[in-house]
Amino acid sequence: MSIVRLGMKYVNILHILVIGAALVYIGYFQDKSFKPIYYVLGVLGLAIILFVPFPTLEFTNLRNILYIIHYIIFIPGFIALAYFGLQKKLTKETYTALGFVGAFIIIYHLYKLITRLM
């Protein structure tokens, strides 16, 4: 069980307006990105602990696998991204990849939000 419980519609909106938008922004502006955006990503990485339920180690359903991915990949990934972004140690390829990942997050969660609203 997570500490803070959000409905999936709000989770989709958070991914669209904050996470996806931040990654697209960083991908577009690259090393000229506004410094506080990296702090936002670091906080978002740590906030996963509040919003995503702690997974069991069973790979029996997709939702639990998504929880595992959030804890194993996204928490350290966002923290590392925040650190290396603040140090300006990201490569051009990383910025490009972040832009595409952000666009994918926006498109996927927009699709999921629309299907939930219908």
PDB file of N, CA and C in Angstrom:
ATOM      1  N   MET A   1       0.837  -1.180   0.000  1.00  0.00           N
ATOM      2  CA  MET A   1       0.000   0.000   0.000  1.00  0.00           C
ATOM      3  C   MET A   1       0.884   1.246   0.000  1.00  0.00           C
ATOM      4  N   SER A   2       0.495   2.230  -0.776  1.00  0.00           N
ATOM      5  CA  SER A   2       1.259   3.468  -0.839  1.00  0.00           C
ATOM      6  C   SER A   2       0.868   4.391   0.310  1.00  0.00           C
ATOM      7  N   ILE A   3       1.723   5.336   0.614  1.00  0.00           N
ATOM      8  CA  ILE A   3       1.453   6.289   1.684  1.00  0.00           C
ATOM      9  C   ILE A   3       0.396   7.294   1.229  1.00  0.00           C
ATOM     10  N   VAL A   4       0.535   7.783   0.000  1.00  0.00           N
ATOM     11  CA  VAL A   4      -0.423   8.724  -0.582  1.00  0.00           C
ATOM     12  C   VAL A   4      -1.152   8.005  -1.701  1.00  0.00           C
ATOM     13  N   ARG A   5      -2.463   7.981  -1.635  1.00  0.00           N
ATOM     14  CA  ARG A   5      -3.263   7.258  -2.634  1.00  0.00           C
ATOM     15  C   ARG A   5      -3.868   8.254  -3.614  1.00  0.00           C
ATOM     16  N   LEU A   6      -3.507   8.125  -4.885  1.00  0.00           N
ATOM     17  CA  LEU A   6      -4.069   8.950  -5.956  1.00  0.00           C
ATOM     18  C   LEU A   6      -4.850   8.056  -6.898  1.00  0.00           C
ATOM     19  N   GLY A   7      -5.949   8.579  -7.414  1.00  0.00           N
ATOM     20  CA  GLY A   7      -6.663   7.858  -8.454  1.00  0.00           C
ATOM     21  C   GLY A   7      -5.825   7.816  -9.723  1.00  0.00           C
ATOM     22  N   MET A   8      -6.057   6.818 -10.551  1.00  0.00           N
ATOM     23  CA  MET A   8      -5.244   6.647 -11.759  1.00  0.00           C
ATOM     24  C   MET A   8      -5.381   7.826 -12.720  1.00  0.00           C
ATOM     25  N   LYS A   9      -6.526   8.499 -12.735  1.00  0.00           N
ATOM     26  CA  LYS A   9      -6.670   9.686 -13.587  1.00  0.00           C
ATOM     27  C   LYS A   9      -5.664  10.755 -13.172  1.00  0.00           C
ATOM     28  N   TYR A  10      -5.497  10.924 -11.872  1.00  0.00           N
ATOM     29  CA  TYR A  10      -4.553  11.921 -11.372  1.00  0.00           C
ATOM     30  C   TYR A  10      -3.108  11.486 -11.594  1.00  0.00           C
ATOM     31  N   VAL A  11      -2.870  10.201 -11.532  1.00  0.00           N
ATOM     32  CA  VAL A  11      -1.537   9.676 -11.842  1.00  0.00           C
ATOM     33  C   VAL A  11      -1.198   9.980 -13.300  1.00  0.00           C
ATOM     34  N   ASN A  12      -2.174   9.759 -14.201  1.00  0.00           N
ATOM     35  CA  ASN A  12      -1.955  10.064 -15.612  1.00  0.00           C
ATOM     36  C   ASN A  12      -1.685  11.551 -15.817  1.00  0.00           C
ATOM     37  N   ILE A  13      -2.460  12.401 -15.155  1.00  0.00           N
ATOM     38  CA  ILE A  13      -2.269  13.852 -15.280  1.00  0.00           C
ATOM     39  C   ILE A  13      -0.894  14.254 -14.762  1.00  0.00           C
ATOM     40  N   LEU A  14      -0.458  13.677 -13.650  1.00  0.00           N
ATOM     41  CA  LEU A  14       0.875  13.952 -13.105  1.00  0.00           C
ATOM     42  C   LEU A  14       1.959  13.573 -14.110  1.00  0.00           C
ATOM     43  N   HIS A  15       1.820  12.410 -14.732  1.00  0.00           N
ATOM     44  CA  HIS A  15       2.805  11.974 -15.724  1.00  0.00           C
ATOM     45  C   HIS A  15       2.812  12.895 -16.946  1.00  0.00           C
ATOM     46  N   ILE A  16       1.634  13.346 -17.376  1.00  0.00           N
ATOM     47  CA  ILE A  16       1.544  14.199 -18.564  1.00  0.00           C
ATOM     48  C   ILE A  16       2.119  15.584 -18.288  1.00  0.00           C
ATOM     49  N   LEU A  17       1.614  16.239 -17.237  1.00  0.00           N
ATOM     50  CA  LEU A  17       1.929  17.647 -17.004  1.00  0.00           C
ATOM     51  C   LEU A  17       3.247  17.893 -16.284  1.00  0.00           C
ATOM     52  N   VAL A  18       3.715  16.928 -15.516  1.00  0.00           N
ATOM     53  CA  VAL A  18       4.935  17.168 -14.743  1.00  0.00           C
ATOM     54  C   VAL A  18       6.097  16.327 -15.267  1.00  0.00           C
ATOM     55  N   ILE A  19       5.970  15.022 -15.211  1.00  0.00           N
ATOM     56  CA  ILE A  19       7.103  14.153 -15.542  1.00  0.00           C
ATOM     57  C   ILE A  19       7.445  14.229 -17.026  1.00  0.00           C
ATOM     58  N   GLY A  20       6.453  13.957 -17.881  1.00  0.00           N
ATOM     59  CA  GLY A  20       6.706  14.005 -19.321  1.00  0.00           C
ATOM     60  C   GLY A  20       7.142  15.379 -19.781  1.00  0.00           C
ATOM     61  N   ALA A  21       6.454  16.420 -19.278  1.00  0.00           N
ATOM     62  CA  ALA A  21       6.796  17.790 -19.676  1.00  0.00           C
ATOM     63  C   ALA A  21       8.208  18.163 -19.236  1.00  0.00           C
ATOM     64  N   ALA A  22       8.605  17.757 -18.035  1.00  0.00           N
ATOM     65  CA  ALA A  22       9.957  18.061 -17.552  1.00  0.00           C
ATOM     66  C   ALA A  22      11.015  17.384 -18.418  1.00  0.00           C
ATOM     67  N   LEU A  23      10.778  16.140 -18.796  1.00  0.00           N
ATOM     68  CA  LEU A  23      11.757  15.425 -19.625  1.00  0.00           C
ATOM     69  C   LEU A  23      11.834  16.009 -21.034  1.00  0.00           C
ATOM     70  N   VAL A  24      10.700  16.387 -21.601  1.00  0.00           N
ATOM     71  CA  VAL A  24      10.710  17.030 -22.923  1.00  0.00           C
ATOM     72  C   VAL A  24      11.444  18.367 -22.836  1.00  0.00           C
ATOM     73  N   TYR A  25      11.181  19.122 -21.785  1.00  0.00           N
ATOM     74  CA  TYR A  25      11.851  20.408 -21.575  1.00  0.00           C
ATOM     75  C   TYR A  25      13.368  20.225 -21.523  1.00  0.00           C
ATOM     76  N   ILE A  26      13.822  19.269 -20.719  1.00  0.00           N
ATOM     77  CA  ILE A  26      15.261  19.014 -20.605  1.00  0.00           C
ATOM     78  C   ILE A  26      15.824  18.547 -21.943  1.00  0.00           C
ATOM     79  N   GLY A  27      15.092  17.686 -22.629  1.00  0.00           N
ATOM     80  CA  GLY A  27      15.548  17.218 -23.932  1.00  0.00           C
ATOM     81  C   GLY A  27      15.672  18.340 -24.944  1.00  0.00           C
ATOM     82  N   TYR A  28      14.783  19.318 -24.857  1.00  0.00           N
ATOM     83  CA  TYR A  28      14.798  20.426 -25.818  1.00  0.00           C
ATOM     84  C   TYR A  28      15.882  21.452 -25.478  1.00  0.00           C
ATOM     85  N   PHE A  29      15.943  21.880 -24.220  1.00  0.00           N
ATOM     86  CA  PHE A  29      16.885  22.936 -23.842  1.00  0.00           C
ATOM     87  C   PHE A  29      18.268  22.406 -23.479  1.00  0.00           C
ATOM     88  N   GLN A  30      18.380  21.124 -23.278  1.00  0.00           N
ATOM     89  CA  GLN A  30      19.638  20.439 -23.001  1.00  0.00           C
ATOM     90  C   GLN A  30      20.408  21.103 -21.860  1.00  0.00           C
ATOM     91  N   ASP A  31      21.670  21.478 -22.074  1.00  0.00           N
ATOM     92  CA  ASP A  31      22.468  22.022 -20.970  1.00  0.00           C
ATOM     93  C   ASP A  31      22.076  23.449 -20.591  1.00  0.00           C
ATOM     94  N   LYS A  32      21.123  24.035 -21.323  1.00  0.00           N
ATOM     95  CA  LYS A  32      20.617  25.366 -20.985  1.00  0.00           C
ATOM     96  C   LYS A  32      19.338  25.284 -20.144  1.00  0.00           C
ATOM     97  N   SER A  33      18.976  24.081 -19.726  1.00  0.00           N
ATOM     98  CA  SER A  33      17.761  23.897 -18.925  1.00  0.00           C
ATOM     99  C   SER A  33      17.864  24.664 -17.613  1.00  0.00           C
ATOM    100  N   PHE A  34      16.725  25.170 -17.171  1.00  0.00           N
ATOM    101  CA  PHE A  34      16.607  25.882 -15.905  1.00  0.00           C
ATOM    102  C   PHE A  34      16.995  24.929 -14.779  1.00  0.00           C
ATOM    103  N   LYS A  35      17.954  25.322 -13.966  1.00  0.00           N
ATOM    104  CA  LYS A  35      18.531  24.437 -12.950  1.00  0.00           C
ATOM    105  C   LYS A  35      17.502  23.791 -12.007  1.00  0.00           C
ATOM    106  N   PRO A  36      16.498  24.518 -11.533  1.00  0.00           N
ATOM    107  CA  PRO A  36      15.537  23.892 -10.600  1.00  0.00           C
ATOM    108  C   PRO A  36      14.764  22.706 -11.179  1.00  0.00           C
ATOM    109  N   ILE A  37      14.720  22.571 -12.502  1.00  0.00           N
ATOM    110  CA  ILE A  37      14.004  21.428 -13.087  1.00  0.00           C
ATOM    111  C   ILE A  37      14.661  20.117 -12.660  1.00  0.00           C
ATOM    112  N   TYR A  38      15.969  20.144 -12.449  1.00  0.00           N
ATOM    113  CA  TYR A  38      16.664  18.937 -11.997  1.00  0.00           C
ATOM    114  C   TYR A  38      16.326  18.618 -10.539  1.00  0.00           C
ATOM    115  N   TYR A  39      16.128  19.656  -9.733  1.00  0.00           N
ATOM    116  CA  TYR A  39      15.677  19.423  -8.356  1.00  0.00           C
ATOM    117  C   TYR A  39      14.280  18.810  -8.353  1.00  0.00           C
ATOM    118  N   VAL A  40      13.433  19.279  -9.268  1.00  0.00           N
ATOM    119  CA  VAL A  40      12.084  18.713  -9.400  1.00  0.00           C
ATOM    120  C   VAL A  40      12.181  17.222  -9.710  1.00  0.00           C
ATOM    121  N   LEU A  41      13.066  16.849 -10.637  1.00  0.00           N
ATOM    122  CA  LEU A  41      13.211  15.431 -10.979  1.00  0.00           C
ATOM    123  C   LEU A  41      13.725  14.614  -9.795  1.00  0.00           C
ATOM    124  N   GLY A  42      14.653  15.173  -9.046  1.00  0.00           N
ATOM    125  CA  GLY A  42      15.144  14.472  -7.860  1.00  0.00           C
ATOM    126  C   GLY A  42      14.042  14.257  -6.834  1.00  0.00           C
ATOM    127  N   VAL A  43      13.234  15.282  -6.615  1.00  0.00           N
ATOM    128  CA  VAL A  43      12.111  15.167  -5.678  1.00  0.00           C
ATOM    129  C   VAL A  43      11.087  14.165  -6.198  1.00  0.00           C
ATOM    130  N   LEU A  44      10.813  14.195  -7.507  1.00  0.00           N
ATOM    131  CA  LEU A  44       9.880  13.225  -8.088  1.00  0.00           C
ATOM    132  C   LEU A  44      10.394  11.800  -7.911  1.00  0.00           C
ATOM    133  N   GLY A  45      11.686  11.614  -8.076  1.00  0.00           N
ATOM    134  CA  GLY A  45      12.261  10.290  -7.867  1.00  0.00           C
ATOM    135  C   GLY A  45      12.038   9.804  -6.445  1.00  0.00           C
ATOM    136  N   LEU A  46      12.259  10.686  -5.482  1.00  0.00           N
ATOM    137  CA  LEU A  46      12.035  10.312  -4.083  1.00  0.00           C
ATOM    138  C   LEU A  46      10.546  10.173  -3.763  1.00  0.00           C
ATOM    139  N   ALA A  47       9.702  10.946  -4.447  1.00  0.00           N
ATOM    140  CA  ALA A  47       8.257  10.895  -4.203  1.00  0.00           C
ATOM    141  C   ALA A  47       7.644   9.570  -4.648  1.00  0.00           C
ATOM    142  N   ILE A  48       8.358   8.834  -5.478  1.00  0.00           N
ATOM    143  CA  ILE A  48       7.858   7.515  -5.887  1.00  0.00           C
ATOM    144  C   ILE A  48       7.588   6.660  -4.652  1.00  0.00           C
ATOM    145  N   ILE A  49       8.420   6.817  -3.637  1.00  0.00           N
ATOM    146  CA  ILE A  49       8.245   6.055  -2.399  1.00  0.00           C
ATOM    147  C   ILE A  49       6.890   6.360  -1.759  1.00  0.00           C
ATOM    148  N   LEU A  50       6.430   7.602  -1.906  1.00  0.00           N
ATOM    149  CA  LEU A  50       5.139   7.990  -1.328  1.00  0.00           C
ATOM    150  C   LEU A  50       3.953   7.515  -2.157  1.00  0.00           C
ATOM    151  N   PHE A  51       4.094   7.563  -3.481  1.00  0.00           N
ATOM    152  CA  PHE A  51       2.947   7.358  -4.362  1.00  0.00           C
ATOM    153  C   PHE A  51       2.809   5.953  -4.935  1.00  0.00           C
ATOM    154  N   VAL A  52       3.919   5.233  -5.045  1.00  0.00           N
ATOM    155  CA  VAL A  52       3.874   3.900  -5.656  1.00  0.00           C
ATOM    156  C   VAL A  52       3.968   2.860  -4.544  1.00  0.00           C
ATOM    157  N   PRO A  53       2.996   1.957  -4.464  1.00  0.00           N
ATOM    158  CA  PRO A  53       3.050   0.921  -3.424  1.00  0.00           C
ATOM    159  C   PRO A  53       4.329   0.093  -3.527  1.00  0.00           C
ATOM    160  N   PHE A  54       4.837  -0.319  -2.371  1.00  0.00           N
ATOM    161  CA  PHE A  54       6.035  -1.148  -2.361  1.00  0.00           C
ATOM    162  C   PHE A  54       5.694  -2.500  -2.988  1.00  0.00           C
ATOM    163  N   PRO A  55       6.483  -2.921  -3.973  1.00  0.00           N
ATOM    164  CA  PRO A  55       6.133  -4.159  -4.686  1.00  0.00           C
ATOM    165  C   PRO A  55       6.489  -5.412  -3.892  1.00  0.00           C
ATOM    166  N   THR A  56       5.785  -6.478  -4.226  1.00  0.00           N
ATOM    167  CA  THR A  56       6.206  -7.794  -3.757  1.00  0.00           C
ATOM    168  C   THR A  56       7.192  -8.313  -4.795  1.00  0.00           C
ATOM    169  N   LEU A  57       7.895  -9.354  -4.492  1.00  0.00           N
ATOM    170  CA  LEU A  57       8.868  -9.879  -5.445  1.00  0.00           C
ATOM    171  C   LEU A  57       8.259 -10.944  -6.350  1.00  0.00           C
ATOM    172  N   GLU A  58       6.976 -10.845  -6.572  1.00  0.00           N
ATOM    173  CA  GLU A  58       6.282 -11.765  -7.471  1.00  0.00           C
ATOM    174  C   GLU A  58       6.086 -11.082  -8.824  1.00  0.00           C
ATOM    175  N   PHE A  59       6.366 -11.813  -9.860  1.00  0.00           N
ATOM    176  CA  PHE A  59       6.197 -11.289 -11.212  1.00  0.00           C
ATOM    177  C   PHE A  59       4.915 -11.849 -11.823  1.00  0.00           C
ATOM    178  N   THR A  60       3.852 -11.873 -11.026  1.00  0.00           N
ATOM    179  CA  THR A  60       2.621 -12.537 -11.451  1.00  0.00           C
ATOM    180  C   THR A  60       1.626 -11.610 -12.132  1.00  0.00           C
ATOM    181  N   ASN A  61       1.729 -10.307 -11.893  1.00  0.00           N
ATOM    182  CA  ASN A  61       0.810  -9.402 -12.580  1.00  0.00           C
ATOM    183  C   ASN A  61       1.539  -8.146 -13.039  1.00  0.00           C
ATOM    184  N   LEU A  62       0.985  -7.508 -14.044  1.00  0.00           N
ATOM    185  CA  LEU A  62       1.632  -6.357 -14.671  1.00  0.00           C
ATOM    186  C   LEU A  62       1.788  -5.195 -13.697  1.00  0.00           C
ATOM    187  N   ARG A  63       0.797  -4.961 -12.875  1.00  0.00           N
ATOM    188  CA  ARG A  63       0.860  -3.829 -11.943  1.00  0.00           C
ATOM    189  C   ARG A  63       2.050  -3.980 -10.990  1.00  0.00           C
ATOM    190  N   ASN A  64       2.273  -5.163 -10.457  1.00  0.00           N
ATOM    191  CA  ASN A  64       3.403  -5.380  -9.557  1.00  0.00           C
ATOM    192  C   ASN A  64       4.732  -5.222 -10.297  1.00  0.00           C
ATOM    193  N   ILE A  65       4.781  -5.654 -11.546  1.00  0.00           N
ATOM    194  CA  ILE A  65       5.996  -5.471 -12.352  1.00  0.00           C
ATOM    195  C   ILE A  65       6.269  -3.982 -12.553  1.00  0.00           C
ATOM    196  N   LEU A  66       5.219  -3.191 -12.779  1.00  0.00           N
ATOM    197  CA  LEU A  66       5.388  -1.738 -12.911  1.00  0.00           C
ATOM    198  C   LEU A  66       5.901  -1.126 -11.609  1.00  0.00           C
ATOM    199  N   TYR A  67       5.407  -1.606 -10.479  1.00  0.00           N
ATOM    200  CA  TYR A  67       5.905  -1.123  -9.185  1.00  0.00           C
ATOM    201  C   TYR A  67       7.396  -1.430  -9.040  1.00  0.00           C
ATOM    202  N   ILE A  68       7.784  -2.653  -9.398  1.00  0.00           N
ATOM    203  CA  ILE A  68       9.193  -3.049  -9.318  1.00  0.00           C
ATOM    204  C   ILE A  68      10.051  -2.150 -10.203  1.00  0.00           C
ATOM    205  N   ILE A  69       9.591  -1.892 -11.423  1.00  0.00           N
ATOM    206  CA  ILE A  69      10.334  -1.023 -12.348  1.00  0.00           C
ATOM    207  C   ILE A  69      10.482   0.379 -11.767  1.00  0.00           C
ATOM    208  N   HIS A  70       9.424   0.902 -11.154  1.00  0.00           N
ATOM    209  CA  HIS A  70       9.510   2.234 -10.556  1.00  0.00           C
ATOM    210  C   HIS A  70      10.572   2.273  -9.451  1.00  0.00           C
ATOM    211  N   TYR A  71      10.633   1.233  -8.637  1.00  0.00           N
ATOM    212  CA  TYR A  71      11.599   1.226  -7.533  1.00  0.00           C
ATOM    213  C   TYR A  71      13.021   0.940  -7.996  1.00  0.00           C
ATOM    214  N   ILE A  72      13.188   0.052  -8.963  1.00  0.00           N
ATOM    215  CA  ILE A  72      14.535  -0.349  -9.379  1.00  0.00           C
ATOM    216  C   ILE A  72      15.131   0.602 -10.419  1.00  0.00           C
ATOM    217  N   ILE A  73      14.306   1.122 -11.319  1.00  0.00           N
ATOM    218  CA  ILE A  73      14.824   1.949 -12.413  1.00  0.00           C
ATOM    219  C   ILE A  73      14.573   3.436 -12.195  1.00  0.00           C
ATOM    220  N   PHE A  74      13.331   3.811 -11.884  1.00  0.00           N
ATOM    221  CA  PHE A  74      12.985   5.232 -11.889  1.00  0.00           C
ATOM    222  C   PHE A  74      13.494   5.998 -10.674  1.00  0.00           C
ATOM    223  N   ILE A  75      13.489   5.404  -9.489  1.00  0.00           N
ATOM    224  CA  ILE A  75      14.024   6.135  -8.328  1.00  0.00           C
ATOM    225  C   ILE A  75      15.505   6.449  -8.535  1.00  0.00           C
ATOM    226  N   PRO A  76      16.360   5.446  -8.762  1.00  0.00           N
ATOM    227  CA  PRO A  76      17.776   5.795  -8.977  1.00  0.00           C
ATOM    228  C   PRO A  76      18.000   6.577 -10.268  1.00  0.00           C
ATOM    229  N   GLY A  77      17.175   6.307 -11.290  1.00  0.00           N
ATOM    230  CA  GLY A  77      17.334   7.021 -12.559  1.00  0.00           C
ATOM    231  C   GLY A  77      17.066   8.505 -12.430  1.00  0.00           C
ATOM    232  N   PHE A  78      15.981   8.871 -11.755  1.00  0.00           N
ATOM    233  CA  PHE A  78      15.659  10.294 -11.584  1.00  0.00           C
ATOM    234  C   PHE A  78      16.683  10.985 -10.687  1.00  0.00           C
ATOM    235  N   ILE A  79      17.132  10.283  -9.652  1.00  0.00           N
ATOM    236  CA  ILE A  79      18.136  10.882  -8.771  1.00  0.00           C
ATOM    237  C   ILE A  79      19.450  11.084  -9.530  1.00  0.00           C
ATOM    238  N   ALA A  80      19.857  10.090 -10.310  1.00  0.00           N
ATOM    239  CA  ALA A  80      21.082  10.225 -11.114  1.00  0.00           C
ATOM    240  C   ALA A  80      20.924  11.320 -12.160  1.00  0.00           C
ATOM    241  N   LEU A  81      19.767  11.371 -12.795  1.00  0.00           N
ATOM    242  CA  LEU A  81      19.506  12.413 -13.792  1.00  0.00           C
ATOM    243  C   LEU A  81      19.597  13.795 -13.151  1.00  0.00           C
ATOM    244  N   ALA A  82      19.029  13.944 -11.963  1.00  0.00           N
ATOM    245  CA  ALA A  82      19.109  15.227 -11.260  1.00  0.00           C
ATOM    246  C   ALA A  82      20.565  15.577 -10.946  1.00  0.00           C
ATOM    247  N   TYR A  83      21.307  14.616 -10.440  1.00  0.00           N
ATOM    248  CA  TYR A  83      22.702  14.870 -10.074  1.00  0.00           C
ATOM    249  C   TYR A  83      23.543  15.239 -11.300  1.00  0.00           C
ATOM    250  N   PHE A  84      23.501  14.392 -12.327  1.00  0.00           N
ATOM    251  CA  PHE A  84      24.335  14.641 -13.502  1.00  0.00           C
ATOM    252  C   PHE A  84      23.854  15.852 -14.293  1.00  0.00           C
ATOM    253  N   GLY A  85      22.561  16.130 -14.258  1.00  0.00           N
ATOM    254  CA  GLY A  85      22.050  17.330 -14.916  1.00  0.00           C
ATOM    255  C   GLY A  85      22.550  18.590 -14.234  1.00  0.00           C
ATOM    256  N   LEU A  86      22.547  18.592 -12.911  1.00  0.00           N
ATOM    257  CA  LEU A  86      23.057  19.751 -12.174  1.00  0.00           C
ATOM    258  C   LEU A  86      24.556  19.935 -12.392  1.00  0.00           C
ATOM    259  N   GLN A  87      25.271  18.838 -12.587  1.00  0.00           N
ATOM    260  CA  GLN A  87      26.714  18.904 -12.837  1.00  0.00           C
ATOM    261  C   GLN A  87      27.030  19.176 -14.311  1.00  0.00           C
ATOM    262  N   LYS A  88      25.978  19.223 -15.135  1.00  0.00           N
ATOM    263  CA  LYS A  88      26.107  19.406 -16.594  1.00  0.00           C
ATOM    264  C   LYS A  88      26.995  18.321 -17.202  1.00  0.00           C
ATOM    265  N   LYS A  89      26.746  17.085 -16.796  1.00  0.00           N
ATOM    266  CA  LYS A  89      27.529  15.956 -17.284  1.00  0.00           C
ATOM    267  C   LYS A  89      26.692  15.003 -18.128  1.00  0.00           C
ATOM    268  N   LEU A  90      25.618  15.509 -18.725  1.00  0.00           N
ATOM    269  CA  LEU A  90      24.799  14.681 -19.611  1.00  0.00           C
ATOM    270  C   LEU A  90      25.261  14.881 -21.048  1.00  0.00           C
ATOM    271  N   THR A  91      25.232  13.822 -21.831  1.00  0.00           N
ATOM    272  CA  THR A  91      25.657  13.909 -23.229  1.00  0.00           C
ATOM    273  C   THR A  91      24.493  14.366 -24.105  1.00  0.00           C
ATOM    274  N   LYS A  92      24.812  14.778 -25.318  1.00  0.00           N
ATOM    275  CA  LYS A  92      23.775  15.169 -26.291  1.00  0.00           C
ATOM    276  C   LYS A  92      22.814  14.015 -26.528  1.00  0.00           C
ATOM    277  N   GLU A  93      23.340  12.796 -26.596  1.00  0.00           N
ATOM    278  CA  GLU A  93      22.494  11.622 -26.817  1.00  0.00           C
ATOM    279  C   GLU A  93      21.523  11.415 -25.656  1.00  0.00           C
ATOM    280  N   THR A  94      21.994  11.684 -24.442  1.00  0.00           N
ATOM    281  CA  THR A  94      21.128  11.549 -23.272  1.00  0.00           C
ATOM    282  C   THR A  94      19.994  12.563 -23.334  1.00  0.00           C
ATOM    283  N   TYR A  95      20.324  13.803 -23.686  1.00  0.00           N
ATOM    284  CA  TYR A  95      19.279  14.831 -23.809  1.00  0.00           C
ATOM    285  C   TYR A  95      18.246  14.432 -24.861  1.00  0.00           C
ATOM    286  N   THR A  96      18.714  13.934 -25.993  1.00  0.00           N
ATOM    287  CA  THR A  96      17.795  13.502 -27.051  1.00  0.00           C
ATOM    288  C   THR A  96      16.911  12.367 -26.556  1.00  0.00           C
ATOM    289  N   ALA A  97      17.511  11.396 -25.890  1.00  0.00           N
ATOM    290  CA  ALA A  97      16.741  10.266 -25.364  1.00  0.00           C
ATOM    291  C   ALA A  97      15.708  10.735 -24.347  1.00  0.00           C
ATOM    292  N   LEU A  98      16.078  11.677 -23.493  1.00  0.00           N
ATOM    293  CA  LEU A  98      15.132  12.197 -22.497  1.00  0.00           C
ATOM    294  C   LEU A  98      13.947  12.879 -23.165  1.00  0.00           C
ATOM    295  N   GLY A  99      14.204  13.605 -24.239  1.00  0.00           N
ATOM    296  CA  GLY A  99      13.112  14.238 -24.975  1.00  0.00           C
ATOM    297  C   GLY A  99      12.146  13.216 -25.531  1.00  0.00           C
ATOM    298  N   PHE A 100      12.676  12.148 -26.113  1.00  0.00           N
ATOM    299  CA  PHE A 100      11.813  11.096 -26.664  1.00  0.00           C
ATOM    300  C   PHE A 100      11.071  10.339 -25.562  1.00  0.00           C
ATOM    301  N   VAL A 101      11.750  10.049 -24.474  1.00  0.00           N
ATOM    302  CA  VAL A 101      11.094   9.360 -23.358  1.00  0.00           C
ATOM    303  C   VAL A 101       9.971  10.234 -22.796  1.00  0.00           C
ATOM    304  N   GLY A 102      10.236  11.528 -22.642  1.00  0.00           N
ATOM    305  CA  GLY A 102       9.204  12.444 -22.161  1.00  0.00           C
ATOM    306  C   GLY A 102       8.009  12.495 -23.088  1.00  0.00           C
ATOM    307  N   ALA A 103       8.258  12.543 -24.400  1.00  0.00           N
ATOM    308  CA  ALA A 103       7.161  12.553 -25.376  1.00  0.00           C
ATOM    309  C   ALA A 103       6.367  11.253 -25.296  1.00  0.00           C
ATOM    310  N   PHE A 104       7.063  10.127 -25.150  1.00  0.00           N
ATOM    311  CA  PHE A 104       6.376   8.839 -25.020  1.00  0.00           C
ATOM    312  C   PHE A 104       5.507   8.813 -23.768  1.00  0.00           C
ATOM    313  N   ILE A 105       6.037   9.311 -22.656  1.00  0.00           N
ATOM    314  CA  ILE A 105       5.270   9.349 -21.402  1.00  0.00           C
ATOM    315  C   ILE A 105       4.004  10.178 -21.581  1.00  0.00           C
ATOM    316  N   ILE A 106       4.133  11.324 -22.227  1.00  0.00           N
ATOM    317  CA  ILE A 106       2.968  12.183 -22.455  1.00  0.00           C
ATOM    318  C   ILE A 106       1.938  11.476 -23.321  1.00  0.00           C
ATOM    319  N   ILE A 107       2.368  10.900 -24.429  1.00  0.00           N
ATOM    320  CA  ILE A 107       1.436  10.239 -25.353  1.00  0.00           C
ATOM    321  C   ILE A 107       0.770   9.043 -24.682  1.00  0.00           C
ATOM    322  N   TYR A 108       1.547   8.206 -24.016  1.00  0.00           N
ATOM    323  CA  TYR A 108       0.992   7.008 -23.381  1.00  0.00           C
ATOM    324  C   TYR A 108      -0.019   7.379 -22.296  1.00  0.00           C
ATOM    325  N   HIS A 109       0.355   8.297 -21.422  1.00  0.00           N
ATOM    326  CA  HIS A 109      -0.537   8.640 -20.316  1.00  0.00           C
ATOM    327  C   HIS A 109      -1.725   9.480 -20.780  1.00  0.00           C
ATOM    328  N   LEU A 110      -1.575  10.222 -21.859  1.00  0.00           N
ATOM    329  CA  LEU A 110      -2.725  10.917 -22.442  1.00  0.00           C
ATOM    330  C   LEU A 110      -3.721   9.901 -22.989  1.00  0.00           C
ATOM    331  N   TYR A 111      -3.216   8.883 -23.667  1.00  0.00           N
ATOM    332  CA  TYR A 111      -4.076   7.802 -24.164  1.00  0.00           C
ATOM    333  C   TYR A 111      -4.794   7.115 -23.002  1.00  0.00           C
ATOM    334  N   LYS A 112      -4.042   6.761 -21.949  1.00  0.00           N
ATOM    335  CA  LYS A 112      -4.648   6.091 -20.798  1.00  0.00           C
ATOM    336  C   LYS A 112      -5.685   6.988 -20.113  1.00  0.00           C
ATOM    337  N   LEU A 113      -5.399   8.286 -20.030  1.00  0.00           N
ATOM    338  CA  LEU A 113      -6.350   9.211 -19.414  1.00  0.00           C
ATOM    339  C   LEU A 113      -7.632   9.303 -20.230  1.00  0.00           C
ATOM    340  N   ILE A 114      -7.492   9.407 -21.542  1.00  0.00           N
ATOM    341  CA  ILE A 114      -8.674   9.494 -22.409  1.00  0.00           C
ATOM    342  C   ILE A 114      -9.512   8.231 -22.287  1.00  0.00           C
ATOM    343  N   THR A 115      -8.876   7.063 -22.288  1.00  0.00           N
ATOM    344  CA  THR A 115      -9.650   5.819 -22.169  1.00  0.00           C
ATOM    345  C   THR A 115     -10.317   5.711 -20.794  1.00  0.00           C
ATOM    346  N   ARG A 116      -9.706   6.263 -19.768  1.00  0.00           N
ATOM    347  CA  ARG A 116     -10.328   6.227 -18.436  1.00  0.00           C
ATOM    348  C   ARG A 116     -11.502   7.195 -18.334  1.00  0.00           C
ATOM    349  N   LEU A 117     -11.447   8.283 -19.095  1.00  0.00           N
ATOM    350  CA  LEU A 117     -12.523   9.271 -19.047  1.00  0.00           C
ATOM    351  C   LEU A 117     -13.728   8.872 -19.884  1.00  0.00           C
ATOM    352  N   MET A 118     -13.539   7.948 -20.797  1.00  0.00           N
ATOM    353  CA  MET A 118     -14.648   7.541 -21.672  1.00  0.00           C
ATOM    354  C   MET A 118     -15.499   6.474 -21.037  1.00  0.00           C
TER     355      MET A 118
END
